Amino acid sequence: MTDLIEFVKQLTDIKAISSFVAAYGGLYIVALIIFAETGLFVGFFLPGDSLLFASGIFIKQSPNPFGNDFLNLIYWIVLIAIAGVIGNMVGYWFGNKTGHLIFERKDTWLFKKKHIQDAHDFYEKKGGVAIILARFLPIVRTFAPIVAGVVDMDKKKFLSYNIIGSFLWVATMTIPGYFLGSIPWVEHNFEKIVIGMILVTTGPVLFKMFFSKKKTTVSTEA
């Protein structure tokens, strides 16, 4: 239990993450981890948000092969975001290829095919919001593309929102780390900052989804 607690602490420890990145291939290992977290079942526990914030700090401090800080930052954001896009596509492909096994199952008290159809309808109506929002939610971002594949969400629609979501997520997590990471207060409040960033980026969308649902319910009852 003690080892587990220590492991969780390290996932939000800016120094531990930076040391890990530096020791295992630099920012290329970050791209690999982001790919795994957004496309593989085993990647759900990986610290994507804190890792991206720490990557911003690492980009600022690492050697710049371009001779231009802005180009260096953009290069790494694009590379890591592409890894996230590919990860989601792998998750979608896996869900799409194995989804038929779910539809072939008979209805039970626990499993209903109607639930899958409801999920399909949800993705058709709010799929873009769901895919983009999922990027900012730990664990959810690992399984969202798999579910989208299972319910056979339109491939072009999924790809477009997948790209938008990945670039928004990587940019909004990495850029603050790049510009603010050297401030001592930021280093000492790393965990709170990451949580705050998640709330700020997902809060408005969650409110809109909740408000719309509530409004629809009221209209139906009326």
C-alpha atoms as a PDB file:
ATOM      1  CA  MET A   1       0.000   0.000   0.000  1.00  0.00           C
ATOM      2  CA  THR A   2       2.859   2.335   0.841  1.00  0.00           C
ATOM      3  CA  ASP A   3       4.494   1.631  -2.517  1.00  0.00           C
ATOM      4  CA  LEU A   4       1.222   2.423  -4.314  1.00  0.00           C
ATOM      5  CA  ILE A   5       0.856   5.759  -2.506  1.00  0.00           C
ATOM      6  CA  GLU A   6       4.456   6.619  -3.323  1.00  0.00           C
ATOM      7  CA  PHE A   7       3.875   5.757  -6.992  1.00  0.00           C
ATOM      8  CA  VAL A   8       0.799   8.021  -7.173  1.00  0.00           C
ATOM      9  CA  LYS A   9       2.767  10.861  -5.591  1.00  0.00           C
ATOM     10  CA  GLN A  10       5.474  10.516  -8.232  1.00  0.00           C
ATOM     11  CA  LEU A  11       2.869  10.900 -10.996  1.00  0.00           C
ATOM     12  CA  THR A  12       2.326  14.485  -9.822  1.00  0.00           C
ATOM     13  CA  ASP A  13       5.920  15.192  -8.775  1.00  0.00           C
ATOM     14  CA  ILE A  14       7.391  17.594 -11.296  1.00  0.00           C
ATOM     15  CA  LYS A  15      11.008  16.694 -10.442  1.00  0.00           C
ATOM     16  CA  ALA A  16      10.351  12.947 -10.656  1.00  0.00           C
ATOM     17  CA  ILE A  17       8.637  13.300 -14.030  1.00  0.00           C
ATOM     18  CA  SER A  18      11.365  15.559 -15.417  1.00  0.00           C
ATOM     19  CA  SER A  19      14.049  13.108 -14.261  1.00  0.00           C
ATOM     20  CA  PHE A  20      12.175  10.235 -15.891  1.00  0.00           C
ATOM     21  CA  VAL A  21      11.845  12.124 -19.191  1.00  0.00           C
ATOM     22  CA  ALA A  22      15.529  13.032 -19.183  1.00  0.00           C
ATOM     23  CA  ALA A  23      16.652   9.487 -18.372  1.00  0.00           C
ATOM     24  CA  TYR A  24      14.538   7.581 -20.918  1.00  0.00           C
ATOM     25  CA  GLY A  25      14.872   9.229 -24.291  1.00  0.00           C
ATOM     26  CA  GLY A  26      13.778  12.769 -23.573  1.00  0.00           C
ATOM     27  CA  LEU A  27      10.600  14.126 -25.138  1.00  0.00           C
ATOM     28  CA  TYR A  28      10.304  11.231 -27.574  1.00  0.00           C
ATOM     29  CA  ILE A  29       9.392   8.998 -24.638  1.00  0.00           C
ATOM     30  CA  VAL A  30       6.668  11.526 -23.809  1.00  0.00           C
ATOM     31  CA  ALA A  31       5.165  11.059 -27.275  1.00  0.00           C
ATOM     32  CA  LEU A  32       5.262   7.282 -26.786  1.00  0.00           C
ATOM     33  CA  ILE A  33       3.558   7.531 -23.386  1.00  0.00           C
ATOM     34  CA  ILE A  34       0.847   9.828 -24.759  1.00  0.00           C
ATOM     35  CA  PHE A  35       0.247   7.326 -27.553  1.00  0.00           C
ATOM     36  CA  ALA A  36      -0.108   4.499 -25.024  1.00  0.00           C
ATOM     37  CA  GLU A  37      -2.385   6.441 -22.702  1.00  0.00           C
ATOM     38  CA  THR A  38      -4.784   7.480 -25.458  1.00  0.00           C
ATOM     39  CA  GLY A  39      -4.964   4.219 -27.373  1.00  0.00           C
ATOM     40  CA  LEU A  40      -4.111   1.177 -25.255  1.00  0.00           C
ATOM     41  CA  PHE A  41      -6.071  -0.416 -22.410  1.00  0.00           C
ATOM     42  CA  VAL A  42      -2.916  -0.673 -20.316  1.00  0.00           C
ATOM     43  CA  GLY A  43      -2.276   3.063 -20.588  1.00  0.00           C
ATOM     44  CA  PHE A  44      -5.196   4.292 -18.486  1.00  0.00           C
ATOM     45  CA  PHE A  45      -3.030   4.860 -15.384  1.00  0.00           C
ATOM     46  CA  LEU A  46      -0.393   6.994 -17.130  1.00  0.00           C
ATOM     47  CA  PRO A  47      -0.057  10.652 -15.995  1.00  0.00           C
ATOM     48  CA  GLY A  48      -0.826  12.465 -19.253  1.00  0.00           C
ATOM     49  CA  ASP A  49      -1.741  15.893 -17.842  1.00  0.00           C
ATOM     50  CA  SER A  50       1.152  16.241 -15.422  1.00  0.00           C
ATOM     51  CA  LEU A  51       3.522  14.719 -17.972  1.00  0.00           C
ATOM     52  CA  LEU A  52       2.578  17.316 -20.588  1.00  0.00           C
ATOM     53  CA  PHE A  53       2.980  20.181 -18.135  1.00  0.00           C
ATOM     54  CA  ALA A  54       6.388  18.869 -17.132  1.00  0.00           C
ATOM     55  CA  SER A  55       7.244  18.460 -20.818  1.00  0.00           C
ATOM     56  CA  GLY A  56       6.699  22.186 -21.293  1.00  0.00           C
ATOM     57  CA  ILE A  57       9.329  22.819 -18.642  1.00  0.00           C
ATOM     58  CA  PHE A  58      11.641  20.258 -20.217  1.00  0.00           C
ATOM     59  CA  ILE A  59      11.256  21.873 -23.660  1.00  0.00           C
ATOM     60  CA  LYS A  60      12.267  25.221 -22.187  1.00  0.00           C
ATOM     61  CA  GLN A  61      15.369  23.788 -20.510  1.00  0.00           C
ATOM     62  CA  SER A  62      16.501  21.279 -23.163  1.00  0.00           C
ATOM     63  CA  PRO A  63      18.894  22.041 -26.063  1.00  0.00           C
ATOM     64  CA  ASN A  64      17.220  23.806 -28.992  1.00  0.00           C
ATOM     65  CA  PRO A  65      18.274  22.313 -32.370  1.00  0.00           C
ATOM     66  CA  PHE A  66      16.251  24.888 -34.336  1.00  0.00           C
ATOM     67  CA  GLY A  67      17.909  27.996 -32.944  1.00  0.00           C
ATOM     68  CA  ASN A  68      14.430  29.424 -32.398  1.00  0.00           C
ATOM     69  CA  ASP A  69      12.504  28.872 -29.162  1.00  0.00           C
ATOM     70  CA  PHE A  70       9.101  29.238 -30.791  1.00  0.00           C
ATOM     71  CA  LEU A  71       9.834  26.691 -33.529  1.00  0.00           C
ATOM     72  CA  ASN A  72      11.210  24.277 -30.942  1.00  0.00           C
ATOM     73  CA  LEU A  73       8.020  24.549 -28.856  1.00  0.00           C
ATOM     74  CA  ILE A  74       5.768  24.117 -31.896  1.00  0.00           C
ATOM     75  CA  TYR A  75       7.765  21.102 -33.090  1.00  0.00           C
ATOM     76  CA  TRP A  76       7.284  19.216 -29.833  1.00  0.00           C
ATOM     77  CA  ILE A  77       3.610  20.168 -29.489  1.00  0.00           C
ATOM     78  CA  VAL A  78       2.912  18.917 -33.017  1.00  0.00           C
ATOM     79  CA  LEU A  79       4.897  15.711 -32.530  1.00  0.00           C
ATOM     80  CA  ILE A  80       3.261  14.844 -29.209  1.00  0.00           C
ATOM     81  CA  ALA A  81      -0.200  15.779 -30.495  1.00  0.00           C
ATOM     82  CA  ILE A  82       0.259  13.515 -33.522  1.00  0.00           C
ATOM     83  CA  ALA A  83       1.154  10.679 -31.150  1.00  0.00           C
ATOM     84  CA  GLY A  84      -2.128  11.355 -29.344  1.00  0.00           C
ATOM     85  CA  VAL A  85      -4.065  11.325 -32.621  1.00  0.00           C
ATOM     86  CA  ILE A  86      -2.532   7.998 -33.641  1.00  0.00           C
ATOM     87  CA  GLY A  87      -3.225   6.577 -30.184  1.00  0.00           C
ATOM     88  CA  ASN A  88      -6.913   7.434 -30.446  1.00  0.00           C
ATOM     89  CA  MET A  89      -7.094   5.945 -33.922  1.00  0.00           C
ATOM     90  CA  VAL A  90      -5.646   2.696 -32.607  1.00  0.00           C
ATOM     91  CA  GLY A  91      -8.240   2.701 -29.817  1.00  0.00           C
ATOM     92  CA  TYR A  92     -11.027   3.375 -32.319  1.00  0.00           C
ATOM     93  CA  TRP A  93      -9.777   0.599 -34.601  1.00  0.00           C
ATOM     94  CA  PHE A  94      -9.668  -1.873 -31.711  1.00  0.00           C
ATOM     95  CA  GLY A  95     -13.184  -0.987 -30.599  1.00  0.00           C
ATOM     96  CA  ASN A  96     -14.489  -1.110 -34.155  1.00  0.00           C
ATOM     97  CA  LYS A  97     -12.961  -4.528 -34.856  1.00  0.00           C
ATOM     98  CA  THR A  98     -14.157  -6.115 -31.612  1.00  0.00           C
ATOM     99  CA  GLY A  99     -17.513  -4.331 -31.381  1.00  0.00           C
ATOM    100  CA  HIS A 100     -19.361  -6.973 -33.423  1.00  0.00           C
ATOM    101  CA  LEU A 101     -18.633  -9.485 -30.662  1.00  0.00           C
ATOM    102  CA  ILE A 102     -20.635  -7.307 -28.307  1.00  0.00           C
ATOM    103  CA  PHE A 103     -23.568  -6.992 -30.722  1.00  0.00           C
ATOM    104  CA  GLU A 104     -23.618 -10.769 -31.166  1.00  0.00           C
ATOM    105  CA  ARG A 105     -24.207 -11.290 -27.459  1.00  0.00           C
ATOM    106  CA  LYS A 106     -27.711 -12.010 -26.227  1.00  0.00           C
ATOM    107  CA  ASP A 107     -29.430  -9.532 -23.954  1.00  0.00           C
ATOM    108  CA  THR A 108     -29.049 -10.246 -20.252  1.00  0.00           C
ATOM    109  CA  TRP A 109     -30.101  -8.411 -17.105  1.00  0.00           C
ATOM    110  CA  LEU A 110     -26.673  -6.740 -17.141  1.00  0.00           C
ATOM    111  CA  PHE A 111     -26.133  -6.219 -20.874  1.00  0.00           C
ATOM    112  CA  LYS A 112     -28.651  -4.702 -23.290  1.00  0.00           C
ATOM    113  CA  LYS A 113     -27.992  -4.031 -26.970  1.00  0.00           C
ATOM    114  CA  LYS A 114     -30.162  -0.938 -26.537  1.00  0.00           C
ATOM    115  CA  HIS A 115     -27.426   0.556 -24.345  1.00  0.00           C
ATOM    116  CA  ILE A 116     -24.944   0.299 -27.220  1.00  0.00           C
ATOM    117  CA  GLN A 117     -27.477   1.876 -29.578  1.00  0.00           C
ATOM    118  CA  ASP A 118     -28.038   4.691 -27.084  1.00  0.00           C
ATOM    119  CA  ALA A 119     -24.287   5.235 -26.952  1.00  0.00           C
ATOM    120  CA  HIS A 120     -24.219   5.343 -30.755  1.00  0.00           C
ATOM    121  CA  ASP A 121     -26.966   7.987 -30.788  1.00  0.00           C
ATOM    122  CA  PHE A 122     -25.084   9.987 -28.144  1.00  0.00           C
ATOM    123  CA  TYR A 123     -21.910  10.027 -30.234  1.00  0.00           C
ATOM    124  CA  GLU A 124     -23.914  11.005 -33.309  1.00  0.00           C
ATOM    125  CA  LYS A 125     -25.394  14.016 -31.514  1.00  0.00           C
ATOM    126  CA  LYS A 126     -22.537  15.059 -29.224  1.00  0.00           C
ATOM    127  CA  GLY A 127     -19.669  12.946 -30.475  1.00  0.00           C
ATOM    128  CA  GLY A 128     -17.389  15.894 -31.148  1.00  0.00           C
ATOM    129  CA  VAL A 129     -17.851  17.342 -27.681  1.00  0.00           C
ATOM    130  CA  ALA A 130     -17.453  13.914 -26.102  1.00  0.00           C
ATOM    131  CA  ILE A 131     -14.208  13.123 -27.929  1.00  0.00           C
ATOM    132  CA  ILE A 132     -12.669  16.555 -27.258  1.00  0.00           C
ATOM    133  CA  LEU A 133     -13.746  16.589 -23.608  1.00  0.00           C
ATOM    134  CA  ALA A 134     -12.412  13.078 -23.047  1.00  0.00           C
ATOM    135  CA  ARG A 135      -8.872  14.307 -23.776  1.00  0.00           C
ATOM    136  CA  PHE A 136      -8.912  16.342 -20.571  1.00  0.00           C
ATOM    137  CA  LEU A 137     -10.293  13.586 -18.342  1.00  0.00           C
ATOM    138  CA  PRO A 138      -7.853  10.988 -16.945  1.00  0.00           C
ATOM    139  CA  ILE A 139      -8.838   7.349 -17.620  1.00  0.00           C
ATOM    140  CA  VAL A 140     -11.796   8.495 -19.756  1.00  0.00           C
ATOM    141  CA  ARG A 141      -9.427   9.570 -22.552  1.00  0.00           C
ATOM    142  CA  THR A 142      -8.121   5.998 -22.751  1.00  0.00           C
ATOM    143  CA  PHE A 143     -11.515   4.357 -23.232  1.00  0.00           C
ATOM    144  CA  ALA A 144     -13.442   7.053 -25.163  1.00  0.00           C
ATOM    145  CA  PRO A 145     -11.970   6.165 -28.598  1.00  0.00           C
ATOM    146  CA  ILE A 146     -12.548   2.455 -27.945  1.00  0.00           C
ATOM    147  CA  VAL A 147     -16.218   3.092 -27.163  1.00  0.00           C
ATOM    148  CA  ALA A 148     -16.488   5.334 -30.246  1.00  0.00           C
ATOM    149  CA  GLY A 149     -15.205   2.424 -32.327  1.00  0.00           C
ATOM    150  CA  VAL A 150     -17.584  -0.043 -30.681  1.00  0.00           C
ATOM    151  CA  VAL A 151     -20.637   2.112 -31.464  1.00  0.00           C
ATOM    152  CA  ASP A 152     -19.295   2.682 -35.004  1.00  0.00           C
ATOM    153  CA  MET A 153     -19.043   6.462 -34.820  1.00  0.00           C
ATOM    154  CA  ASP A 154     -18.530   8.033 -38.255  1.00  0.00           C
ATOM    155  CA  LYS A 155     -14.800   7.709 -39.041  1.00  0.00           C
ATOM    156  CA  LYS A 156     -14.374  11.153 -40.619  1.00  0.00           C
ATOM    157  CA  LYS A 157     -16.223  12.817 -37.769  1.00  0.00           C
ATOM    158  CA  PHE A 158     -14.163  10.938 -35.202  1.00  0.00           C
ATOM    159  CA  LEU A 159     -10.882  11.778 -36.946  1.00  0.00           C
ATOM    160  CA  SER A 160     -11.626  15.501 -37.160  1.00  0.00           C
ATOM    161  CA  TYR A 161     -12.561  15.822 -33.486  1.00  0.00           C
ATOM    162  CA  ASN A 162      -9.724  13.503 -32.553  1.00  0.00           C
ATOM    163  CA  ILE A 163      -7.229  15.887 -34.171  1.00  0.00           C
ATOM    164  CA  ILE A 164      -8.821  18.987 -32.626  1.00  0.00           C
ATOM    165  CA  GLY A 165      -8.954  17.395 -29.180  1.00  0.00           C
ATOM    166  CA  SER A 166      -5.382  16.143 -29.254  1.00  0.00           C
ATOM    167  CA  PHE A 167      -3.864  19.454 -30.310  1.00  0.00           C
ATOM    168  CA  LEU A 168      -5.980  21.421 -27.812  1.00  0.00           C
ATOM    169  CA  TRP A 169      -5.058  19.078 -24.975  1.00  0.00           C
ATOM    170  CA  VAL A 170      -1.329  18.992 -25.708  1.00  0.00           C
ATOM    171  CA  ALA A 171      -1.111  22.748 -26.286  1.00  0.00           C
ATOM    172  CA  THR A 172      -3.116  23.809 -23.219  1.00  0.00           C
ATOM    173  CA  MET A 173      -1.090  21.528 -20.957  1.00  0.00           C
ATOM    174  CA  THR A 174       2.363  22.101 -22.438  1.00  0.00           C
ATOM    175  CA  ILE A 175       2.429  25.861 -23.060  1.00  0.00           C
ATOM    176  CA  PRO A 176       1.745  26.858 -19.417  1.00  0.00           C
ATOM    177  CA  GLY A 177       4.575  24.564 -18.320  1.00  0.00           C
ATOM    178  CA  TYR A 178       6.874  26.161 -20.885  1.00  0.00           C
ATOM    179  CA  PHE A 179       6.242  29.708 -19.661  1.00  0.00           C
ATOM    180  CA  LEU A 180       5.541  29.163 -15.953  1.00  0.00           C
ATOM    181  CA  GLY A 181       7.598  26.110 -15.016  1.00  0.00           C
ATOM    182  CA  SER A 182      10.634  28.051 -13.830  1.00  0.00           C
ATOM    183  CA  ILE A 183       8.631  29.906 -11.160  1.00  0.00           C
ATOM    184  CA  PRO A 184       9.280  28.377  -7.701  1.00  0.00           C
ATOM    185  CA  TRP A 185       5.638  28.720  -6.625  1.00  0.00           C
ATOM    186  CA  VAL A 186       4.570  26.678  -9.661  1.00  0.00           C
ATOM    187  CA  GLU A 187       7.012  23.917  -8.808  1.00  0.00           C
ATOM    188  CA  HIS A 188       5.708  23.669  -5.234  1.00  0.00           C
ATOM    189  CA  ASN A 189       2.048  23.663  -6.323  1.00  0.00           C
ATOM    190  CA  PHE A 190       2.378  21.446  -9.378  1.00  0.00           C
ATOM    191  CA  GLU A 191      -0.454  19.045  -8.487  1.00  0.00           C
ATOM    192  CA  LYS A 192      -2.931  21.864  -7.741  1.00  0.00           C
ATOM    193  CA  ILE A 193      -2.076  23.605 -11.011  1.00  0.00           C
ATOM    194  CA  VAL A 194      -2.681  20.477 -13.098  1.00  0.00           C
ATOM    195  CA  ILE A 195      -6.043  19.870 -11.396  1.00  0.00           C
ATOM    196  CA  GLY A 196      -6.954  23.532 -11.873  1.00  0.00           C
ATOM    197  CA  MET A 197      -6.118  23.379 -15.578  1.00  0.00           C
ATOM    198  CA  ILE A 198      -8.357  20.331 -16.002  1.00  0.00           C
ATOM    199  CA  LEU A 199     -11.255  22.113 -14.255  1.00  0.00           C
ATOM    200  CA  VAL A 200     -10.828  25.271 -16.330  1.00  0.00           C
ATOM    201  CA  THR A 201     -10.712  23.432 -19.647  1.00  0.00           C
ATOM    202  CA  THR A 202     -13.554  20.987 -18.951  1.00  0.00           C
ATOM    203  CA  GLY A 203     -15.803  23.112 -16.714  1.00  0.00           C
ATOM    204  CA  PRO A 204     -17.531  25.136 -19.461  1.00  0.00           C
ATOM    205  CA  VAL A 205     -18.172  22.047 -21.607  1.00  0.00           C
ATOM    206  CA  LEU A 206     -19.512  20.049 -18.654  1.00  0.00           C
ATOM    207  CA  PHE A 207     -21.792  22.935 -17.720  1.00  0.00           C
ATOM    208  CA  LYS A 208     -23.082  23.217 -21.274  1.00  0.00           C
ATOM    209  CA  MET A 209     -23.761  19.484 -21.508  1.00  0.00           C
ATOM    210  CA  PHE A 210     -25.494  19.435 -18.097  1.00  0.00           C
ATOM    211  CA  PHE A 211     -27.525  22.579 -18.849  1.00  0.00           C
ATOM    212  CA  SER A 212     -28.612  21.266 -22.254  1.00  0.00           C
ATOM    213  CA  LYS A 213     -29.647  17.941 -20.741  1.00  0.00           C
ATOM    214  CA  LYS A 214     -31.590  19.689 -18.000  1.00  0.00           C
ATOM    215  CA  LYS A 215     -33.294  21.987 -20.500  1.00  0.00           C
ATOM    216  CA  THR A 216     -34.288  19.048 -22.696  1.00  0.00           C
ATOM    217  CA  THR A 217     -35.697  17.190 -19.701  1.00  0.00           C
ATOM    218  CA  VAL A 218     -37.797  20.171 -18.643  1.00  0.00           C
ATOM    219  CA  SER A 219     -39.134  20.622 -22.189  1.00  0.00           C
ATOM    220  CA  THR A 220     -40.080  16.935 -22.389  1.00  0.00           C
ATOM    221  CA  GLU A 221     -41.904  17.046 -19.076  1.00  0.00           C
ATOM    222  CA  ALA A 222     -43.775  20.158 -20.160  1.00  0.00           C
END
